[in-house]
């Protein structure tokens, strides 16, 4: 399978939309290994939830791209997201903590993380090495 152009979905910034974001991943990455698909869906769930909980925009954009065996997932909060530190500081929270596990989980699952602030936008891109889009 060859490379794919990026495809995206814009959803209302509401926790009820996480399931739609996960379905978007499943529909887009139909040839993904089930374990890889689970990881990508979990990453999207965590990043989308963070954008909703910590962002101030009315919508969240999820972008998927496949190139050279790398799946890139970008979640754009489309608004300022104060209080989110650099990806190198993301860690899984203490097991007794009530929240704070999501970004640490994303950091463990992704092969690379890029955090960008572009004006009022806050984008997080997670890249995973897979066989998707790689020349076999």
C-alpha atoms as a PDB file:
ATOM      1  CA  UNK A   1       0.000   0.000   0.000  1.00  0.00           C
ATOM      2  CA  UNK A   2       1.304   3.458  -0.868  1.00  0.00           C
ATOM      3  CA  UNK A   3       1.299   6.755   0.924  1.00  0.00           C
ATOM      4  CA  UNK A   4      -1.951   8.505   1.737  1.00  0.00           C
ATOM      5  CA  UNK A   5      -2.807  12.144   1.708  1.00  0.00           C
ATOM      6  CA  UNK A   6      -3.733  13.546   5.080  1.00  0.00           C
ATOM      7  CA  UNK A   7      -7.390  13.285   5.933  1.00  0.00           C
ATOM      8  CA  UNK A   8      -9.136  15.068   8.762  1.00  0.00           C
ATOM      9  CA  UNK A   9     -12.328  15.497  10.690  1.00  0.00           C
ATOM     10  CA  UNK A  10     -13.482  18.505  12.691  1.00  0.00           C
ATOM     11  CA  UNK A  11     -15.695  17.723  15.653  1.00  0.00           C
ATOM     12  CA  UNK A  12     -17.447  19.733  18.320  1.00  0.00           C
ATOM     13  CA  UNK A  13     -15.194  20.239  21.353  1.00  0.00           C
ATOM     14  CA  UNK A  14     -17.282  18.002  23.578  1.00  0.00           C
ATOM     15  CA  UNK A  15     -16.347  14.790  25.387  1.00  0.00           C
ATOM     16  CA  UNK A  16     -19.259  13.019  23.689  1.00  0.00           C
ATOM     17  CA  UNK A  17     -17.399  13.367  20.367  1.00  0.00           C
ATOM     18  CA  UNK A  18     -14.458  11.140  21.372  1.00  0.00           C
ATOM     19  CA  UNK A  19     -16.281   8.071  20.020  1.00  0.00           C
ATOM     20  CA  UNK A  20     -16.657   9.820  16.645  1.00  0.00           C
ATOM     21  CA  UNK A  21     -12.917  10.549  16.597  1.00  0.00           C
ATOM     22  CA  UNK A  22     -12.160   6.876  17.304  1.00  0.00           C
ATOM     23  CA  UNK A  23     -14.527   5.751  14.533  1.00  0.00           C
ATOM     24  CA  UNK A  24     -12.782   8.163  12.150  1.00  0.00           C
ATOM     25  CA  UNK A  25      -9.493   6.386  12.912  1.00  0.00           C
ATOM     26  CA  UNK A  26     -11.048   2.950  12.301  1.00  0.00           C
ATOM     27  CA  UNK A  27     -12.649   4.047   9.015  1.00  0.00           C
ATOM     28  CA  UNK A  28      -9.467   5.706   7.780  1.00  0.00           C
ATOM     29  CA  UNK A  29      -6.915   3.058   8.737  1.00  0.00           C
ATOM     30  CA  UNK A  30      -8.790  -0.005   7.506  1.00  0.00           C
ATOM     31  CA  UNK A  31      -5.621  -1.997   6.808  1.00  0.00           C
ATOM     32  CA  UNK A  32      -3.918  -1.361  10.137  1.00  0.00           C
ATOM     33  CA  UNK A  33      -2.840  -4.192  12.377  1.00  0.00           C
ATOM     34  CA  UNK A  34      -5.461  -4.440  15.178  1.00  0.00           C
ATOM     35  CA  UNK A  35      -2.898  -3.743  17.920  1.00  0.00           C
ATOM     36  CA  UNK A  36      -1.590  -0.673  16.086  1.00  0.00           C
ATOM     37  CA  UNK A  37      -5.150   0.495  15.452  1.00  0.00           C
ATOM     38  CA  UNK A  38      -5.920   0.162  19.176  1.00  0.00           C
ATOM     39  CA  UNK A  39      -2.854   2.269  20.038  1.00  0.00           C
ATOM     40  CA  UNK A  40      -3.783   4.960  17.521  1.00  0.00           C
ATOM     41  CA  UNK A  41      -7.370   5.076  18.752  1.00  0.00           C
ATOM     42  CA  UNK A  42      -6.152   5.402  22.345  1.00  0.00           C
ATOM     43  CA  UNK A  43      -3.812   8.231  21.355  1.00  0.00           C
ATOM     44  CA  UNK A  44      -6.654  10.044  19.572  1.00  0.00           C
ATOM     45  CA  UNK A  45      -8.951   9.520  22.557  1.00  0.00           C
ATOM     46  CA  UNK A  46      -6.429  10.934  25.008  1.00  0.00           C
ATOM     47  CA  UNK A  47      -5.402  13.909  22.871  1.00  0.00           C
ATOM     48  CA  UNK A  48      -8.999  14.746  21.944  1.00  0.00           C
ATOM     49  CA  UNK A  49     -10.093  14.552  25.581  1.00  0.00           C
ATOM     50  CA  UNK A  50      -7.210  16.813  26.599  1.00  0.00           C
ATOM     51  CA  UNK A  51      -8.141  19.340  23.914  1.00  0.00           C
ATOM     52  CA  UNK A  52     -11.723  19.386  25.211  1.00  0.00           C
ATOM     53  CA  UNK A  53     -10.813  19.551  28.904  1.00  0.00           C
ATOM     54  CA  UNK A  54      -8.017  22.104  28.642  1.00  0.00           C
ATOM     55  CA  UNK A  55      -8.834  24.011  25.465  1.00  0.00           C
ATOM     56  CA  UNK A  56     -11.269  26.833  24.926  1.00  0.00           C
ATOM     57  CA  UNK A  57     -12.270  26.341  21.285  1.00  0.00           C
ATOM     58  CA  UNK A  58     -15.638  25.207  19.958  1.00  0.00           C
ATOM     59  CA  UNK A  59     -14.111  22.470  17.790  1.00  0.00           C
ATOM     60  CA  UNK A  60     -11.209  20.022  17.630  1.00  0.00           C
ATOM     61  CA  UNK A  61      -9.580  18.782  14.424  1.00  0.00           C
ATOM     62  CA  UNK A  62      -8.084  15.288  14.101  1.00  0.00           C
ATOM     63  CA  UNK A  63      -5.703  14.736  11.158  1.00  0.00           C
ATOM     64  CA  UNK A  64      -4.374  11.322  10.057  1.00  0.00           C
ATOM     65  CA  UNK A  65      -1.592  10.797   7.526  1.00  0.00           C
ATOM     66  CA  UNK A  66       0.407   7.752   6.441  1.00  0.00           C
ATOM     67  CA  UNK A  67       3.813   8.088   4.814  1.00  0.00           C
ATOM     68  CA  UNK A  68       6.737   5.698   4.566  1.00  0.00           C
ATOM     69  CA  UNK A  69       5.370   3.355   7.210  1.00  0.00           C
ATOM     70  CA  UNK A  70       4.724   6.189   9.671  1.00  0.00           C
ATOM     71  CA  UNK A  71       1.229   7.044  10.884  1.00  0.00           C
ATOM     72  CA  UNK A  72       0.929  10.650  12.043  1.00  0.00           C
ATOM     73  CA  UNK A  73      -1.952  11.728  14.238  1.00  0.00           C
ATOM     74  CA  UNK A  74      -2.394  15.443  14.855  1.00  0.00           C
ATOM     75  CA  UNK A  75      -4.982  16.867  17.212  1.00  0.00           C
ATOM     76  CA  UNK A  76      -5.545  20.608  16.902  1.00  0.00           C
ATOM     77  CA  UNK A  77      -7.392  22.184  19.809  1.00  0.00           C
ATOM     78  CA  UNK A  78      -8.093  25.211  17.589  1.00  0.00           C
ATOM     79  CA  UNK A  79      -7.663  27.465  20.581  1.00  0.00           C
ATOM     80  CA  UNK A  80      -5.287  28.203  23.454  1.00  0.00           C
ATOM     81  CA  UNK A  81      -4.524  25.312  25.779  1.00  0.00           C
ATOM     82  CA  UNK A  82      -2.845  26.769  28.853  1.00  0.00           C
ATOM     83  CA  UNK A  83      -0.940  24.621  31.295  1.00  0.00           C
ATOM     84  CA  UNK A  84       0.192  21.853  28.939  1.00  0.00           C
ATOM     85  CA  UNK A  85       3.944  21.488  29.196  1.00  0.00           C
ATOM     86  CA  UNK A  86       6.468  20.087  26.723  1.00  0.00           C
ATOM     87  CA  UNK A  87       6.021  16.450  25.671  1.00  0.00           C
ATOM     88  CA  UNK A  88       9.324  15.517  27.324  1.00  0.00           C
ATOM     89  CA  UNK A  89       7.659  16.207  30.690  1.00  0.00           C
ATOM     90  CA  UNK A  90       4.590  14.048  30.077  1.00  0.00           C
ATOM     91  CA  UNK A  91       4.533  11.103  32.465  1.00  0.00           C
ATOM     92  CA  UNK A  92       1.936   8.598  33.564  1.00  0.00           C
ATOM     93  CA  UNK A  93       0.351   9.860  36.765  1.00  0.00           C
ATOM     94  CA  UNK A  94       0.497   8.036  40.056  1.00  0.00           C
ATOM     95  CA  UNK A  95      -1.957   5.098  40.090  1.00  0.00           C
ATOM     96  CA  UNK A  96      -3.919   6.782  42.894  1.00  0.00           C
ATOM     97  CA  UNK A  97      -4.324  10.074  41.013  1.00  0.00           C
ATOM     98  CA  UNK A  98      -7.818  10.918  39.807  1.00  0.00           C
ATOM     99  CA  UNK A  99      -6.579  12.135  36.416  1.00  0.00           C
ATOM    100  CA  UNK A 100      -3.432  13.028  34.507  1.00  0.00           C
ATOM    101  CA  UNK A 101      -2.650   9.696  32.891  1.00  0.00           C
ATOM    102  CA  UNK A 102      -3.488  10.538  29.273  1.00  0.00           C
ATOM    103  CA  UNK A 103      -0.434  12.466  28.126  1.00  0.00           C
ATOM    104  CA  UNK A 104       1.919   9.980  29.758  1.00  0.00           C
ATOM    105  CA  UNK A 105       0.149   7.134  27.972  1.00  0.00           C
ATOM    106  CA  UNK A 106       0.458   8.987  24.655  1.00  0.00           C
ATOM    107  CA  UNK A 107       4.159   9.533  25.296  1.00  0.00           C
ATOM    108  CA  UNK A 108       4.660   5.801  25.906  1.00  0.00           C
ATOM    109  CA  UNK A 109       2.720   4.695  22.809  1.00  0.00           C
ATOM    110  CA  UNK A 110       4.120   7.162  20.274  1.00  0.00           C
ATOM    111  CA  UNK A 111       7.540   6.841  18.681  1.00  0.00           C
ATOM    112  CA  UNK A 112       7.718  10.628  18.356  1.00  0.00           C
ATOM    113  CA  UNK A 113       5.740  13.534  19.786  1.00  0.00           C
ATOM    114  CA  UNK A 114       5.682  17.104  18.536  1.00  0.00           C
ATOM    115  CA  UNK A 115       3.905  19.877  20.420  1.00  0.00           C
ATOM    116  CA  UNK A 116       3.337  23.142  18.562  1.00  0.00           C
ATOM    117  CA  UNK A 117       1.778  26.417  19.530  1.00  0.00           C
ATOM    118  CA  UNK A 118       0.807  28.358  16.439  1.00  0.00           C
ATOM    119  CA  UNK A 119      -0.889  31.584  17.435  1.00  0.00           C
ATOM    120  CA  UNK A 120      -3.994  30.510  19.311  1.00  0.00           C
ATOM    121  CA  UNK A 121      -3.747  26.950  18.003  1.00  0.00           C
ATOM    122  CA  UNK A 122      -2.281  24.122  20.052  1.00  0.00           C
ATOM    123  CA  UNK A 123      -1.312  21.080  18.002  1.00  0.00           C
ATOM    124  CA  UNK A 124      -0.033  17.743  19.226  1.00  0.00           C
ATOM    125  CA  UNK A 125       1.309  15.273  16.667  1.00  0.00           C
ATOM    126  CA  UNK A 126       2.055  11.673  17.584  1.00  0.00           C
ATOM    127  CA  UNK A 127       3.951   9.518  15.104  1.00  0.00           C
ATOM    128  CA  UNK A 128       3.987   5.726  15.162  1.00  0.00           C
ATOM    129  CA  UNK A 129       6.164   3.481  13.050  1.00  0.00           C
ATOM    130  CA  UNK A 130       4.067   0.805  11.341  1.00  0.00           C
ATOM    131  CA  UNK A 131       4.027  -1.122   8.096  1.00  0.00           C
ATOM    132  CA  UNK A 132       1.206   1.080   6.808  1.00  0.00           C
ATOM    133  CA  UNK A 133       2.197   2.934   3.686  1.00  0.00           C
ATOM    134  CA  UNK A 134       5.603   1.264   3.541  1.00  0.00           C
ATOM    135  CA  UNK A 135       6.752  -0.216   0.276  1.00  0.00           C
ATOM    136  CA  UNK A 136       6.726  -3.979   0.714  1.00  0.00           C
END
